Amino acid sequence: MENIQSKSSKSLLARRYQIAILSFFGFFNVYALRVNLSIAVVKMTEEIEAEDTHLNNYTYREFDWDSKQQGLLLSSFFYGYIVTQIPGGWLAPYVGSAKLFGFGILATALATLFTPVIARAGLEALIAVRILEGLFEGVTFPAMHALWSNWAPPMERSRLATIGYSGNYVGTVVAMITCGFLAEHAGWESVFYVYGVVGVIWCSIWLYTVKESPALDKNISSEERNYIESSIGVLEEKGSTPWRSILMSFPVWAIIAAHFSENWGFYTLLTQLPTFLSDVTKFKLDKTGFMAAIPYLAMAVAVQGGGLLADLLRTRFNVSTTWVSYNQLKHSIHTQRWEDLHFGQHHEIQADSVVFPALYHRDGFQILSNTFATIPGIISPGLTGIIVQDKEAESWHIVFYISAAIYLLGGIFYLILIERQKWALCSR
């Protein structure tokens, strides 16, 4: 196996690395399609100067939505997103994880293309289509988990997943910058047209290229296929999933609490930072998009090293996942570090590491954990809309104080309760 690994695991041309790169652009689209409204809504609701027939100046807004209505709109995506997390994990083995991932993004991209028309039909119609987009995107992370259970050798899982999931932050960065520029100079509608088309193009490539497993891929080398299948075969000598032990475990709930608190701050920034910068700094939207992208740019740069470091410590230095996890948490600022937890075939729950807010962010999302961690996306934008009705800096301070407090509580809860459980296999 060592000879096969040396031939097939170091080249970016290896099929599994091609899939990782394609998944990077997939998650790029996942977050670009998610964040576009956060930028566009600033332009959609800004005051416009005009003259009437008597040459009198006046101002109006194309969409006269107050902060509470905007908060409801920005949270509506997550009402759909939370519903399909667990069903997505269940569907993946039956529908095909590669197809589920691709079609989830394709449906979101198509809905995005029609967003300008739907927005003019009314706020209720736009909220409905955003809920629909959330339903489609909710299957993407579970589908990718299932796909990697067929394609990723155990000791490469961190680096392969890191390549793909870092597309989240690159997508957020690029979308915030380009959407701000597009909205300011080409109209807010262009935001949805451009990223809708980009999403459709990517989906066409993904659905044509990526297969469910190495055995179904005609373009993979026999050496790489044998290496992947033999490696995963060793990992998957497991029993049934101990759901009762999982749900009754305090460490599992510590992971959920950590993930919940991380997402509270993450989703607050994702949905509200452009509006905050517009309200408080009065920047033009193209500059607002650039400023809002800075935290995610730091994440995108730092994330690539995290998965490589984790795999290096586990393989070359024989360091346990638990030790790596605990010490990453202990020595990082604003860090919540999660252990790897593995359960039977197609039921893997992997929770690696999360570091706030822009130091290092490596996603090993669990289906269970990510369901609970979607709740902040539902609550935070609406709560923010209520708090910042006056658009003053002092009101925005309250929003960020709340996020900081939730970060702190989640981290403390995690540190007190986390430890590896007897039913967590594959520990070393």
Protein backbone atom coordinates (compact mmCIF):
# COMPACT_ATOMS: atom_id res chain seq x y z
CA MET A 1 0.00 0.00 0.00
CA GLU A 2 2.90 2.38 0.68
CA ASN A 3 4.06 2.18 -2.98
CA ILE A 4 0.54 2.89 -4.20
CA GLN A 5 0.22 5.80 -1.80
CA SER A 6 3.52 7.31 -2.87
CA LYS A 7 2.43 7.24 -6.51
CA SER A 8 -1.10 8.50 -6.07
CA SER A 9 -1.37 10.74 -3.03
CA LYS A 10 1.17 13.47 -3.68
CA SER A 11 0.00 14.75 -7.05
CA LEU A 12 -2.69 17.38 -7.47
CA LEU A 13 -3.60 15.48 -10.65
CA ALA A 14 -4.83 12.56 -8.57
CA ARG A 15 -8.57 12.18 -9.11
CA ARG A 16 -9.53 12.80 -5.50
CA TYR A 17 -7.62 16.10 -5.55
CA GLN A 18 -9.39 17.11 -8.75
CA ILE A 19 -12.66 16.46 -6.91
CA ALA A 20 -11.41 18.51 -3.95
CA ILE A 21 -10.63 21.43 -6.25
CA LEU A 22 -14.04 21.17 -7.93
CA SER A 23 -15.68 21.01 -4.50
CA PHE A 24 -13.75 24.19 -3.59
CA PHE A 25 -15.53 26.00 -6.42
CA GLY A 26 -18.77 24.32 -5.40
CA PHE A 27 -18.58 25.75 -1.88
CA PHE A 28 -17.44 29.02 -3.45
CA ASN A 29 -20.85 29.09 -5.13
CA VAL A 30 -22.66 27.93 -1.98
CA TYR A 31 -21.51 31.01 -0.09
CA ALA A 32 -21.53 33.44 -3.01
CA LEU A 33 -25.19 32.57 -3.61
CA ARG A 34 -25.87 32.93 0.10
CA VAL A 35 -24.12 36.26 0.73
CA ASN A 36 -25.21 38.13 -2.41
CA LEU A 37 -28.43 39.45 -0.86
CA SER A 38 -26.54 40.84 2.15
CA ILE A 39 -24.76 43.21 -0.23
CA ALA A 40 -27.58 43.81 -2.70
CA VAL A 41 -30.13 44.72 -0.01
CA VAL A 42 -28.04 47.77 0.93
CA LYS A 43 -28.39 49.12 -2.60
CA MET A 44 -32.00 47.98 -2.92
CA THR A 45 -33.07 50.01 0.13
CA GLU A 46 -30.85 53.09 -0.14
CA GLU A 47 -32.35 56.53 -0.67
CA ILE A 48 -32.34 57.78 -4.26
CA GLU A 49 -32.51 61.45 -5.18
CA ALA A 50 -34.94 62.44 -7.95
CA GLU A 51 -36.89 65.37 -9.36
CA ASP A 52 -40.60 65.58 -9.99
CA THR A 53 -42.25 67.23 -12.98
CA HIS A 54 -42.04 70.61 -11.24
CA LEU A 55 -38.26 70.22 -10.74
CA ASN A 56 -38.65 69.71 -7.00
CA ASN A 57 -36.05 67.43 -5.43
CA TYR A 58 -37.16 64.48 -3.36
CA THR A 59 -35.82 61.11 -2.22
CA TYR A 60 -37.32 57.66 -2.40
CA ARG A 61 -36.32 54.03 -1.94
CA GLU A 62 -36.99 51.36 -4.57
CA PHE A 63 -37.77 48.89 -1.77
CA ASP A 64 -39.13 50.61 1.32
CA TRP A 65 -38.17 47.94 3.85
CA ASP A 66 -37.30 48.93 7.41
CA SER A 67 -34.57 47.22 9.45
CA LYS A 68 -36.97 44.65 10.92
CA GLN A 69 -38.19 43.64 7.47
CA GLN A 70 -34.60 43.44 6.20
CA GLY A 71 -33.69 41.26 9.19
CA LEU A 72 -36.57 38.91 8.42
CA LEU A 73 -35.51 38.77 4.77
CA LEU A 74 -31.87 38.00 5.59
CA SER A 75 -32.85 35.28 8.06
CA SER A 76 -35.36 33.62 5.72
CA PHE A 77 -32.67 31.60 3.93
CA PHE A 78 -31.93 29.76 7.17
CA TYR A 79 -35.57 28.75 7.71
CA GLY A 80 -35.15 26.51 4.69
CA TYR A 81 -31.53 25.62 5.38
CA ILE A 82 -32.25 24.07 8.77
CA VAL A 83 -34.97 21.78 7.40
CA THR A 84 -32.84 19.77 4.94
CA GLN A 85 -29.70 19.15 7.03
CA ILE A 86 -30.69 15.74 8.39
CA PRO A 87 -32.82 14.69 5.37
CA GLY A 88 -29.83 15.59 3.17
CA GLY A 89 -27.62 13.16 5.07
CA TRP A 90 -30.27 10.46 4.75
CA LEU A 91 -30.86 11.09 1.04
CA ALA A 92 -27.21 11.16 -0.04
CA PRO A 93 -26.60 7.38 -0.15
CA TYR A 94 -29.84 6.84 -2.07
CA VAL A 95 -29.85 9.74 -4.52
CA GLY A 96 -26.07 9.85 -4.91
CA SER A 97 -24.02 12.34 -2.92
CA ALA A 98 -22.32 13.86 -5.98
CA LYS A 99 -25.68 14.42 -7.71
CA LEU A 100 -27.29 15.77 -4.54
CA PHE A 101 -24.46 18.26 -4.04
CA GLY A 102 -24.57 19.42 -7.67
CA PHE A 103 -28.34 19.70 -8.00
CA GLY A 104 -28.63 21.48 -4.64
CA ILE A 105 -26.38 24.25 -5.92
CA LEU A 106 -27.95 24.23 -9.40
CA ALA A 107 -31.45 24.81 -8.00
CA THR A 108 -30.14 27.67 -5.84
CA ALA A 109 -28.39 29.24 -8.83
CA LEU A 110 -31.55 29.07 -10.95
CA ALA A 111 -33.60 30.66 -8.16
CA THR A 112 -30.97 33.39 -7.90
CA LEU A 113 -31.32 34.22 -11.60
CA PHE A 114 -35.02 34.97 -11.04
CA THR A 115 -34.50 36.96 -7.83
CA PRO A 116 -34.78 40.47 -9.41
CA VAL A 117 -38.16 39.61 -10.93
CA ILE A 118 -39.38 37.99 -7.73
CA ALA A 119 -38.19 40.92 -5.57
CA ARG A 120 -40.40 43.31 -7.54
CA ALA A 121 -43.36 41.02 -6.87
CA GLY A 122 -43.09 41.87 -3.17
CA LEU A 123 -41.25 41.15 0.06
CA GLU A 124 -43.29 38.02 0.78
CA ALA A 125 -42.39 36.51 -2.59
CA LEU A 126 -38.68 37.24 -2.07
CA ILE A 127 -38.77 35.70 1.41
CA ALA A 128 -40.39 32.60 -0.08
CA VAL A 129 -37.69 32.18 -2.73
CA ARG A 130 -34.93 32.67 -0.13
CA ILE A 131 -36.50 29.92 2.01
CA LEU A 132 -36.52 27.74 -1.10
CA GLU A 133 -32.82 28.48 -1.72
CA GLY A 134 -32.09 27.49 1.87
CA LEU A 135 -33.87 24.17 1.36
CA PHE A 136 -31.68 23.42 -1.66
CA GLU A 137 -28.40 24.52 -0.06
CA GLY A 138 -29.18 22.62 3.13
CA VAL A 139 -28.24 19.33 1.46
CA THR A 140 -24.79 20.46 0.31
CA PHE A 141 -22.73 19.81 3.44
CA PRO A 142 -24.33 16.42 4.21
CA ALA A 143 -23.87 15.39 0.57
CA MET A 144 -20.19 16.31 0.63
CA HIS A 145 -19.66 14.37 3.88
CA ALA A 146 -21.10 11.30 2.19
CA LEU A 147 -19.00 11.82 -0.94
CA TRP A 148 -15.75 12.02 1.04
CA SER A 149 -16.65 8.81 2.87
CA ASN A 150 -16.22 7.14 -0.55
CA TRP A 151 -13.28 9.15 -1.87
CA ALA A 152 -11.05 10.30 1.01
CA PRO A 153 -8.43 7.99 2.57
CA PRO A 154 -8.58 8.41 6.38
CA MET A 155 -5.21 10.12 6.75
CA GLU A 156 -5.92 12.57 3.92
CA ARG A 157 -9.43 13.47 4.98
CA SER A 158 -8.47 16.71 6.70
CA ARG A 159 -6.49 18.10 3.78
CA LEU A 160 -9.04 17.06 1.13
CA ALA A 161 -11.95 18.49 3.11
CA THR A 162 -9.96 21.65 3.85
CA ILE A 163 -9.37 22.28 0.15
CA GLY A 164 -13.08 22.04 -0.54
CA TYR A 165 -14.46 23.84 2.50
CA SER A 166 -12.06 26.78 2.16
CA GLY A 167 -14.15 27.69 -0.87
CA ASN A 168 -16.68 29.00 1.69
CA TYR A 169 -14.42 31.87 2.66
CA VAL A 170 -12.97 32.55 -0.76
CA GLY A 171 -16.53 32.64 -2.09
CA THR A 172 -17.56 35.03 0.66
CA VAL A 173 -14.56 37.29 0.02
CA VAL A 174 -14.94 37.40 -3.76
CA ALA A 175 -18.72 37.76 -3.60
CA MET A 176 -18.64 40.62 -1.11
CA ILE A 177 -16.08 42.54 -3.14
CA THR A 178 -17.57 41.89 -6.57
CA CYS A 179 -21.20 42.20 -5.46
CA GLY A 180 -20.43 45.59 -3.94
CA PHE A 181 -18.79 46.72 -7.18
CA LEU A 182 -21.55 45.28 -9.37
CA ALA A 183 -24.36 46.77 -7.28
CA GLU A 184 -22.72 50.21 -7.24
CA HIS A 185 -21.79 50.38 -10.91
CA ALA A 186 -24.09 47.94 -12.77
CA GLY A 187 -27.23 47.89 -10.62
CA TRP A 188 -28.23 45.55 -7.83
CA GLU A 189 -29.85 43.15 -10.30
CA SER A 190 -26.43 42.30 -11.78
CA VAL A 191 -25.42 40.70 -8.48
CA PHE A 192 -27.97 37.95 -8.98
CA TYR A 193 -27.50 37.53 -12.70
CA VAL A 194 -23.71 37.16 -12.53
CA TYR A 195 -23.62 34.64 -9.69
CA GLY A 196 -26.62 32.75 -10.98
CA VAL A 197 -24.81 32.16 -14.27
CA VAL A 198 -21.54 31.26 -12.53
CA GLY A 199 -23.41 28.68 -10.42
CA VAL A 200 -25.07 27.09 -13.45
CA ILE A 201 -21.73 26.79 -15.29
CA TRP A 202 -20.04 25.15 -12.29
CA CYS A 203 -22.91 22.68 -11.84
CA SER A 204 -22.62 21.57 -15.46
CA ILE A 205 -18.93 20.77 -14.97
CA TRP A 206 -19.46 19.04 -11.61
CA LEU A 207 -22.33 16.80 -12.69
CA TYR A 208 -20.43 15.71 -15.80
CA THR A 209 -17.12 15.07 -14.02
CA VAL A 210 -17.67 13.73 -10.48
CA LYS A 211 -18.82 10.18 -9.80
CA GLU A 212 -20.14 8.65 -6.60
CA SER A 213 -17.11 6.45 -5.91
CA PRO A 214 -13.74 5.51 -7.42
CA ALA A 215 -15.26 2.29 -8.76
CA LEU A 216 -17.65 4.32 -10.97
CA ASP A 217 -15.03 6.73 -12.28
CA LYS A 218 -13.55 5.70 -15.65
CA ASN A 219 -10.83 8.36 -15.48
CA ILE A 220 -9.17 7.29 -12.22
CA SER A 221 -6.01 5.23 -12.31
CA SER A 222 -6.18 1.67 -11.02
CA GLU A 223 -3.42 2.46 -8.50
CA GLU A 224 -5.32 5.35 -7.00
CA ARG A 225 -8.60 3.42 -6.94
CA ASN A 226 -6.98 0.49 -5.13
CA TYR A 227 -5.30 2.83 -2.66
CA ILE A 228 -8.53 4.65 -1.80
CA GLU A 229 -10.65 1.51 -1.53
CA SER A 230 -8.13 -0.38 0.59
CA SER A 231 -7.63 2.60 2.91
CA ILE A 232 -11.33 3.21 3.45
CA GLY A 233 -11.97 -0.51 3.83
CA VAL A 234 -9.82 -0.56 6.97
CA LEU A 235 -11.64 2.43 8.42
CA GLU A 236 -15.10 1.06 7.88
CA GLU A 237 -14.86 -2.08 10.01
CA LYS A 238 -17.45 -0.66 12.41
CA GLY A 239 -20.67 -1.50 14.08
CA SER A 240 -23.95 0.34 14.13
CA THR A 241 -24.21 4.00 15.04
CA PRO A 242 -24.67 4.42 18.84
CA TRP A 243 -27.28 7.16 18.58
CA ARG A 244 -28.46 6.92 22.18
CA SER A 245 -24.92 7.31 23.50
CA ILE A 246 -24.33 10.19 21.10
CA LEU A 247 -27.44 12.13 22.08
CA MET A 248 -26.87 11.54 25.82
CA SER A 249 -23.22 12.61 25.64
CA PHE A 250 -22.20 15.92 27.22
CA PRO A 251 -19.16 16.23 24.90
CA VAL A 252 -21.44 15.98 21.87
CA TRP A 253 -23.54 18.82 23.26
CA ALA A 254 -20.32 20.71 23.95
CA ILE A 255 -19.53 20.42 20.23
CA ILE A 256 -23.02 21.61 19.37
CA ALA A 257 -22.70 24.56 21.76
CA ALA A 258 -19.34 25.51 20.27
CA HIS A 259 -20.70 25.26 16.75
CA PHE A 260 -23.80 27.25 17.70
CA SER A 261 -21.75 30.06 19.24
CA GLU A 262 -19.33 30.17 16.30
CA ASN A 263 -22.17 30.40 13.82
CA TRP A 264 -23.87 33.15 15.79
CA GLY A 265 -20.93 35.46 15.20
CA PHE A 266 -20.25 34.14 11.71
CA TYR A 267 -23.82 34.61 10.49
CA THR A 268 -24.12 37.98 12.20
CA LEU A 269 -21.13 39.23 10.22
CA LEU A 270 -22.18 37.44 7.05
CA THR A 271 -25.65 38.98 6.94
CA GLN A 272 -25.15 42.29 8.74
CA LEU A 273 -21.60 43.57 8.20
CA PRO A 274 -22.39 45.28 4.86
CA THR A 275 -25.39 47.06 6.41
CA PHE A 276 -23.35 48.02 9.50
CA LEU A 277 -20.61 49.55 7.35
CA SER A 278 -23.19 51.39 5.27
CA ASP A 279 -25.02 52.73 8.33
CA VAL A 280 -22.01 53.72 10.41
CA THR A 281 -19.22 54.56 7.94
CA LYS A 282 -21.43 55.83 5.07
CA PHE A 283 -19.08 54.15 2.58
CA LYS A 284 -20.11 53.63 -1.02
CA LEU A 285 -21.20 50.04 -1.63
CA ASP A 286 -18.11 49.04 -3.62
CA LYS A 287 -15.89 50.04 -0.67
CA THR A 288 -18.34 48.51 1.82
CA GLY A 289 -18.08 45.14 0.05
CA PHE A 290 -14.30 45.25 0.21
CA MET A 291 -14.22 46.16 3.92
CA ALA A 292 -16.78 43.47 4.77
CA ALA A 293 -14.65 40.86 3.01
CA ILE A 294 -11.50 41.40 5.08
CA PRO A 295 -12.30 38.94 7.94
CA TYR A 296 -13.14 36.21 5.43
CA LEU A 297 -9.99 36.92 3.44
CA ALA A 298 -7.94 36.19 6.57
CA MET A 299 -9.89 32.95 7.07
CA ALA A 300 -9.40 31.90 3.45
CA VAL A 301 -5.63 32.42 3.66
CA ALA A 302 -5.21 30.69 7.02
CA VAL A 303 -7.53 27.74 6.45
CA GLN A 304 -5.34 26.03 3.89
CA GLY A 305 -2.60 25.38 6.43
CA GLY A 306 -4.89 23.95 9.09
CA GLY A 307 -5.86 20.69 7.38
CA LEU A 308 -2.28 20.06 6.24
CA LEU A 309 -0.98 20.64 9.77
CA ALA A 310 -3.57 18.29 11.29
CA ASP A 311 -2.71 15.50 8.83
CA LEU A 312 1.04 16.08 9.31
CA LEU A 313 0.79 15.79 13.10
CA ARG A 314 -1.39 12.66 12.88
CA THR A 315 0.62 10.82 10.21
CA ARG A 316 4.28 11.83 10.48
CA PHE A 317 4.42 12.46 14.22
CA ASN A 318 1.76 9.94 15.28
CA VAL A 319 -0.10 12.57 17.30
CA SER A 320 -3.67 11.71 18.26
CA THR A 321 -6.57 13.72 16.93
CA THR A 322 -7.66 14.45 20.49
CA TRP A 323 -4.27 15.88 21.45
CA VAL A 324 -4.11 18.04 18.33
CA SER A 325 -7.66 19.20 18.98
CA TYR A 326 -7.12 20.08 22.63
CA ASN A 327 -3.85 21.94 22.11
CA GLN A 328 -5.15 23.91 19.13
CA LEU A 329 -7.92 25.11 21.41
CA LYS A 330 -5.68 25.80 24.37
CA HIS A 331 -3.14 27.87 22.44
CA SER A 332 -5.40 29.85 20.07
CA ILE A 333 -7.29 33.09 20.60
CA HIS A 334 -11.08 32.78 20.18
CA THR A 335 -10.66 29.10 19.37
CA GLN A 336 -13.12 26.23 19.52
CA ARG A 337 -11.47 22.98 18.48
CA TRP A 338 -13.50 19.83 17.82
CA GLU A 339 -12.44 16.20 17.91
CA ASP A 340 -12.96 13.77 15.03
CA LEU A 341 -15.86 11.44 15.79
CA HIS A 342 -16.41 8.57 13.36
CA PHE A 343 -19.47 6.36 13.15
CA GLY A 344 -20.47 3.60 10.66
CA GLN A 345 -20.41 3.78 6.87
CA HIS A 346 -22.38 6.78 5.54
CA HIS A 347 -22.95 7.87 9.14
CA GLU A 348 -19.65 9.62 9.75
CA ILE A 349 -19.80 12.63 12.00
CA GLN A 350 -16.55 14.55 11.74
CA ALA A 351 -15.95 17.71 13.73
CA ASP A 352 -12.48 19.11 13.35
CA SER A 353 -11.77 22.73 14.22
CA VAL A 354 -13.15 26.22 14.34
CA VAL A 355 -11.10 29.31 15.16
CA PHE A 356 -12.58 32.81 15.47
CA PRO A 357 -13.00 35.14 13.82
CA ALA A 358 -10.19 35.40 11.28
CA LEU A 359 -7.25 33.36 12.56
CA TYR A 360 -7.95 29.85 11.36
CA HIS A 361 -11.20 28.22 10.39
CA ARG A 362 -11.39 24.54 9.42
CA ASP A 363 -14.86 23.07 8.96
CA GLY A 364 -15.62 19.46 9.76
CA PHE A 365 -19.35 20.07 10.04
CA GLN A 366 -21.51 17.44 11.54
CA ILE A 367 -25.00 16.98 10.18
CA LEU A 368 -26.41 16.95 13.73
CA SER A 369 -24.29 19.86 14.90
CA ASN A 370 -24.88 21.95 11.80
CA THR A 371 -28.64 21.63 12.24
CA PHE A 372 -28.50 23.26 15.67
CA ALA A 373 -25.86 25.70 14.46
CA THR A 374 -28.25 27.00 11.79
CA ILE A 375 -30.53 28.44 14.48
CA PRO A 376 -28.33 31.56 14.88
CA GLY A 377 -28.89 32.33 11.21
CA ILE A 378 -32.62 32.43 11.93
CA ILE A 379 -32.44 34.46 15.15
CA SER A 380 -29.50 36.83 14.73
CA PRO A 381 -30.59 38.85 11.63
CA GLY A 382 -34.08 39.38 13.01
CA LEU A 383 -32.76 40.38 16.44
CA THR A 384 -30.27 42.73 14.80
CA GLY A 385 -33.07 44.33 12.77
CA ILE A 386 -34.97 45.08 15.98
CA ILE A 387 -31.90 46.47 17.80
CA VAL A 388 -30.57 48.78 15.05
CA GLN A 389 -33.76 50.52 13.94
CA ASP A 390 -32.12 53.90 14.59
CA LYS A 391 -28.99 52.84 12.58
CA GLU A 392 -26.74 54.41 15.23
CA ALA A 393 -23.29 53.06 16.13
CA GLU A 394 -24.32 52.51 19.75
CA SER A 395 -27.06 50.12 18.68
CA TRP A 396 -24.62 48.18 16.53
CA HIS A 397 -22.31 47.89 19.54
CA ILE A 398 -25.04 45.94 21.33
CA VAL A 399 -25.21 43.50 18.40
CA PHE A 400 -21.47 42.81 18.59
CA TYR A 401 -21.47 42.58 22.41
CA ILE A 402 -24.12 39.88 22.18
CA SER A 403 -22.00 37.95 19.66
CA ALA A 404 -18.89 38.25 21.85
CA ALA A 405 -20.78 36.97 24.89
CA ILE A 406 -22.13 33.97 22.98
CA TYR A 407 -18.63 33.20 21.65
CA LEU A 408 -17.27 33.24 25.20
CA LEU A 409 -20.02 31.07 26.68
CA GLY A 410 -19.72 28.50 23.91
CA GLY A 411 -15.95 28.28 24.34
CA ILE A 412 -16.20 27.86 28.12
CA PHE A 413 -18.89 25.19 27.79
CA TYR A 414 -16.73 23.32 25.30
CA LEU A 415 -13.57 23.47 27.44
CA ILE A 416 -15.37 22.16 30.51
CA LEU A 417 -17.18 19.24 28.89
CA ILE A 418 -15.14 18.01 25.93
CA GLU A 419 -13.42 14.60 26.07
CA ARG A 420 -13.21 11.60 23.75
CA GLN A 421 -15.97 9.05 24.22
CA LYS A 422 -15.64 5.26 24.31
CA TRP A 423 -17.92 4.88 21.29
CA ALA A 424 -15.79 7.24 19.16
CA LEU A 425 -13.83 4.91 16.92
CA CYS A 426 -10.66 5.54 14.96
CA SER A 427 -8.99 7.38 17.84
CA ARG A 428 -5.30 6.96 18.20
